[in-house]
Amino acid sequence: MESLSAANTTFALNLFKKLSANDPTKNLVFSPLSISSAMLMVSLGAKDNTEAQMSKVYKDTFYQNEKGGWLGGGP
């Protein structure tokens, strides 16, 4: 099982690739930990279709444990 810090690093690198794809020569500043933390908090209140869509985003980086907490890695 991958640690949460490793999962956040994977998320950060994937997000950086997406954000910098349009113009890789420009400077880019963002906080991947803040983004992932906010998204995970929002996902706790998500229901139905929104919950399913958010789960798809997290499937490769995070997984939800039995108590509803998000952990690094995959099942």
N, C-alpha and C. Protein backbone atom coordinates (compact mmCIF):
# COMPACT_ATOMS: atom_id res chain seq x y z
N MET A 1 0.84 -1.18 0.00
CA MET A 1 0.00 0.00 0.00
C MET A 1 0.89 1.25 0.00
N GLU A 2 0.54 2.16 -0.85
CA GLU A 2 1.27 3.42 -0.99
C GLU A 2 0.90 4.34 0.18
N SER A 3 1.85 5.10 0.66
CA SER A 3 1.56 6.02 1.76
C SER A 3 0.78 7.23 1.25
N LEU A 4 0.15 7.93 2.18
CA LEU A 4 -0.62 9.10 1.81
C LEU A 4 0.27 10.17 1.19
N SER A 5 1.48 10.33 1.72
CA SER A 5 2.38 11.34 1.15
C SER A 5 2.79 10.98 -0.28
N ALA A 6 3.00 9.70 -0.54
CA ALA A 6 3.33 9.27 -1.90
C ALA A 6 2.13 9.47 -2.83
N ALA A 7 0.94 9.21 -2.32
CA ALA A 7 -0.27 9.42 -3.13
C ALA A 7 -0.47 10.90 -3.43
N ASN A 8 -0.20 11.77 -2.46
CA ASN A 8 -0.29 13.21 -2.70
C ASN A 8 0.75 13.67 -3.71
N THR A 9 1.93 13.08 -3.68
CA THR A 9 2.97 13.40 -4.66
C THR A 9 2.52 13.00 -6.06
N THR A 10 1.95 11.82 -6.18
CA THR A 10 1.43 11.36 -7.47
C THR A 10 0.35 12.31 -7.97
N PHE A 11 -0.57 12.68 -7.09
CA PHE A 11 -1.63 13.63 -7.44
C PHE A 11 -1.03 14.95 -7.89
N ALA A 12 -0.04 15.45 -7.16
CA ALA A 12 0.60 16.73 -7.48
C ALA A 12 1.26 16.70 -8.85
N LEU A 13 1.98 15.64 -9.13
CA LEU A 13 2.66 15.53 -10.43
C LEU A 13 1.67 15.43 -11.58
N ASN A 14 0.62 14.64 -11.39
CA ASN A 14 -0.41 14.53 -12.43
C ASN A 14 -1.11 15.86 -12.66
N LEU A 15 -1.42 16.57 -11.57
CA LEU A 15 -2.07 17.88 -11.68
C LEU A 15 -1.14 18.88 -12.36
N PHE A 16 0.14 18.87 -12.00
CA PHE A 16 1.11 19.76 -12.63
C PHE A 16 1.18 19.52 -14.14
N LYS A 17 1.20 18.25 -14.54
CA LYS A 17 1.25 17.93 -15.97
C LYS A 17 0.04 18.50 -16.70
N LYS A 18 -1.14 18.38 -16.08
CA LYS A 18 -2.36 18.91 -16.70
C LYS A 18 -2.34 20.43 -16.76
N LEU A 19 -1.96 21.07 -15.66
CA LEU A 19 -1.98 22.53 -15.61
C LEU A 19 -0.93 23.16 -16.51
N SER A 20 0.20 22.51 -16.69
CA SER A 20 1.28 23.09 -17.49
C SER A 20 1.25 22.64 -18.95
N ALA A 21 0.29 21.83 -19.32
CA ALA A 21 0.26 21.28 -20.68
C ALA A 21 0.08 22.35 -21.75
N ASN A 22 -0.70 23.39 -21.48
CA ASN A 22 -0.95 24.42 -22.49
C ASN A 22 0.28 25.26 -22.80
N ASP A 23 1.06 25.59 -21.79
CA ASP A 23 2.27 26.39 -22.01
C ASP A 23 3.33 25.98 -20.99
N PRO A 24 4.12 24.96 -21.31
CA PRO A 24 5.10 24.44 -20.36
C PRO A 24 6.26 25.39 -20.05
N THR A 25 6.38 26.52 -20.78
CA THR A 25 7.49 27.44 -20.53
C THR A 25 7.15 28.50 -19.48
N LYS A 26 5.88 28.62 -19.11
CA LYS A 26 5.47 29.63 -18.12
C LYS A 26 5.60 29.09 -16.71
N ASN A 27 5.83 30.01 -15.77
CA ASN A 27 5.88 29.65 -14.36
C ASN A 27 4.49 29.28 -13.87
N LEU A 28 4.45 28.36 -12.92
CA LEU A 28 3.18 27.89 -12.38
C LEU A 28 3.33 27.70 -10.88
N VAL A 29 2.42 28.30 -10.12
CA VAL A 29 2.44 28.16 -8.67
C VAL A 29 1.07 27.66 -8.23
N PHE A 30 1.05 26.56 -7.48
CA PHE A 30 -0.20 26.04 -6.93
C PHE A 30 0.14 25.17 -5.73
N SER A 31 -0.85 24.90 -4.92
CA SER A 31 -0.66 24.07 -3.73
C SER A 31 -1.44 22.77 -3.89
N PRO A 32 -0.78 21.70 -4.34
CA PRO A 32 -1.49 20.45 -4.55
C PRO A 32 -2.08 19.87 -3.26
N LEU A 33 -1.41 20.08 -2.13
CA LEU A 33 -1.95 19.57 -0.86
C LEU A 33 -3.25 20.29 -0.51
N SER A 34 -3.29 21.60 -0.71
CA SER A 34 -4.52 22.36 -0.43
C SER A 34 -5.64 21.92 -1.36
N ILE A 35 -5.32 21.70 -2.63
CA ILE A 35 -6.33 21.28 -3.60
C ILE A 35 -6.86 19.89 -3.26
N SER A 36 -5.97 18.95 -2.99
CA SER A 36 -6.42 17.59 -2.68
C SER A 36 -7.18 17.56 -1.36
N SER A 37 -6.74 18.32 -0.37
CA SER A 37 -7.45 18.37 0.92
C SER A 37 -8.86 18.92 0.75
N ALA A 38 -8.99 20.01 0.00
CA ALA A 38 -10.31 20.60 -0.23
C ALA A 38 -11.21 19.64 -1.00
N MET A 39 -10.67 19.00 -2.02
CA MET A 39 -11.47 18.07 -2.82
C MET A 39 -11.92 16.87 -1.99
N LEU A 40 -11.04 16.38 -1.13
CA LEU A 40 -11.40 15.24 -0.29
C LEU A 40 -12.45 15.63 0.74
N MET A 41 -12.39 16.85 1.28
CA MET A 41 -13.42 17.30 2.22
C MET A 41 -14.76 17.43 1.53
N VAL A 42 -14.76 17.98 0.32
CA VAL A 42 -16.00 18.12 -0.44
C VAL A 42 -16.58 16.75 -0.77
N SER A 43 -15.71 15.79 -1.09
CA SER A 43 -16.19 14.46 -1.46
C SER A 43 -16.90 13.75 -0.31
N LEU A 44 -16.56 14.10 0.93
CA LEU A 44 -17.23 13.49 2.08
C LEU A 44 -18.71 13.85 2.13
N GLY A 45 -19.07 15.01 1.59
CA GLY A 45 -20.47 15.43 1.56
C GLY A 45 -21.16 15.14 0.25
N ALA A 46 -20.44 14.58 -0.69
CA ALA A 46 -21.02 14.32 -2.01
C ALA A 46 -21.95 13.10 -1.98
N LYS A 47 -22.98 13.13 -2.79
CA LYS A 47 -23.93 12.02 -2.89
C LYS A 47 -24.20 11.71 -4.36
N ASP A 48 -24.68 10.52 -4.60
CA ASP A 48 -25.18 10.07 -5.90
C ASP A 48 -24.17 10.28 -7.03
N ASN A 49 -24.57 11.02 -8.07
CA ASN A 49 -23.74 11.17 -9.27
C ASN A 49 -22.44 11.92 -8.97
N THR A 50 -22.52 12.95 -8.13
CA THR A 50 -21.32 13.71 -7.78
C THR A 50 -20.32 12.83 -7.05
N GLU A 51 -20.81 12.01 -6.14
CA GLU A 51 -19.94 11.08 -5.41
C GLU A 51 -19.27 10.10 -6.37
N ALA A 52 -20.02 9.60 -7.33
CA ALA A 52 -19.47 8.65 -8.31
C ALA A 52 -18.41 9.32 -9.18
N GLN A 53 -18.66 10.56 -9.60
CA GLN A 53 -17.69 11.27 -10.43
C GLN A 53 -16.41 11.58 -9.65
N MET A 54 -16.55 11.98 -8.41
CA MET A 54 -15.36 12.27 -7.60
C MET A 54 -14.57 11.00 -7.32
N SER A 55 -15.25 9.90 -7.12
CA SER A 55 -14.57 8.62 -6.88
C SER A 55 -13.72 8.22 -8.07
N LYS A 56 -14.19 8.54 -9.28
CA LYS A 56 -13.41 8.23 -10.49
C LYS A 56 -12.10 9.02 -10.50
N VAL A 57 -12.15 10.26 -10.03
CA VAL A 57 -10.94 11.10 -9.99
C VAL A 57 -9.92 10.50 -9.03
N TYR A 58 -10.39 9.98 -7.90
CA TYR A 58 -9.49 9.48 -6.86
C TYR A 58 -9.05 8.04 -7.05
N LYS A 59 -9.68 7.31 -7.95
CA LYS A 59 -9.46 5.86 -8.01
C LYS A 59 -8.00 5.46 -8.20
N ASP A 60 -7.21 6.24 -8.93
CA ASP A 60 -5.82 5.88 -9.18
C ASP A 60 -4.86 6.35 -8.09
N THR A 61 -5.28 7.33 -7.30
CA THR A 61 -4.37 7.91 -6.32
C THR A 61 -4.78 7.61 -4.88
N PHE A 62 -6.05 7.71 -4.60
CA PHE A 62 -6.54 7.51 -3.24
C PHE A 62 -7.61 6.43 -3.24
N TYR A 63 -7.87 5.86 -2.10
CA TYR A 63 -9.03 4.99 -1.95
C TYR A 63 -9.68 5.27 -0.61
N GLN A 64 -10.97 4.98 -0.51
CA GLN A 64 -11.70 5.28 0.71
C GLN A 64 -11.76 4.03 1.58
N ASN A 65 -11.38 4.19 2.84
CA ASN A 65 -11.43 3.05 3.75
C ASN A 65 -12.84 2.84 4.29
N GLU A 66 -13.03 1.82 5.10
CA GLU A 66 -14.35 1.46 5.60
C GLU A 66 -14.98 2.55 6.46
N LYS A 67 -14.17 3.38 7.09
CA LYS A 67 -14.69 4.43 7.96
C LYS A 67 -14.91 5.74 7.23
N GLY A 68 -14.73 5.76 5.93
CA GLY A 68 -14.96 6.97 5.16
C GLY A 68 -13.73 7.85 4.99
N GLY A 69 -12.59 7.44 5.53
CA GLY A 69 -11.37 8.23 5.38
C GLY A 69 -10.66 7.90 4.08
N TRP A 70 -9.96 8.87 3.54
CA TRP A 70 -9.22 8.66 2.29
C TRP A 70 -7.77 8.36 2.62
N LEU A 71 -7.25 7.34 1.98
CA LEU A 71 -5.88 6.90 2.20
C LEU A 71 -5.13 6.87 0.88
N GLY A 72 -3.81 6.86 0.96
CA GLY A 72 -3.01 6.75 -0.25
C GLY A 72 -3.02 5.35 -0.80
N GLY A 73 -2.71 5.25 -2.07
CA GLY A 73 -2.59 3.93 -2.70
C GLY A 73 -3.88 3.43 -3.26
N GLY A 74 -4.00 2.15 -3.36
CA GLY A 74 -5.21 1.54 -3.90
C GLY A 74 -5.53 0.29 -3.14
N PRO A 75 -6.74 -0.22 -3.35
CA PRO A 75 -7.16 -1.41 -2.61
C PRO A 75 -6.33 -2.63 -2.95
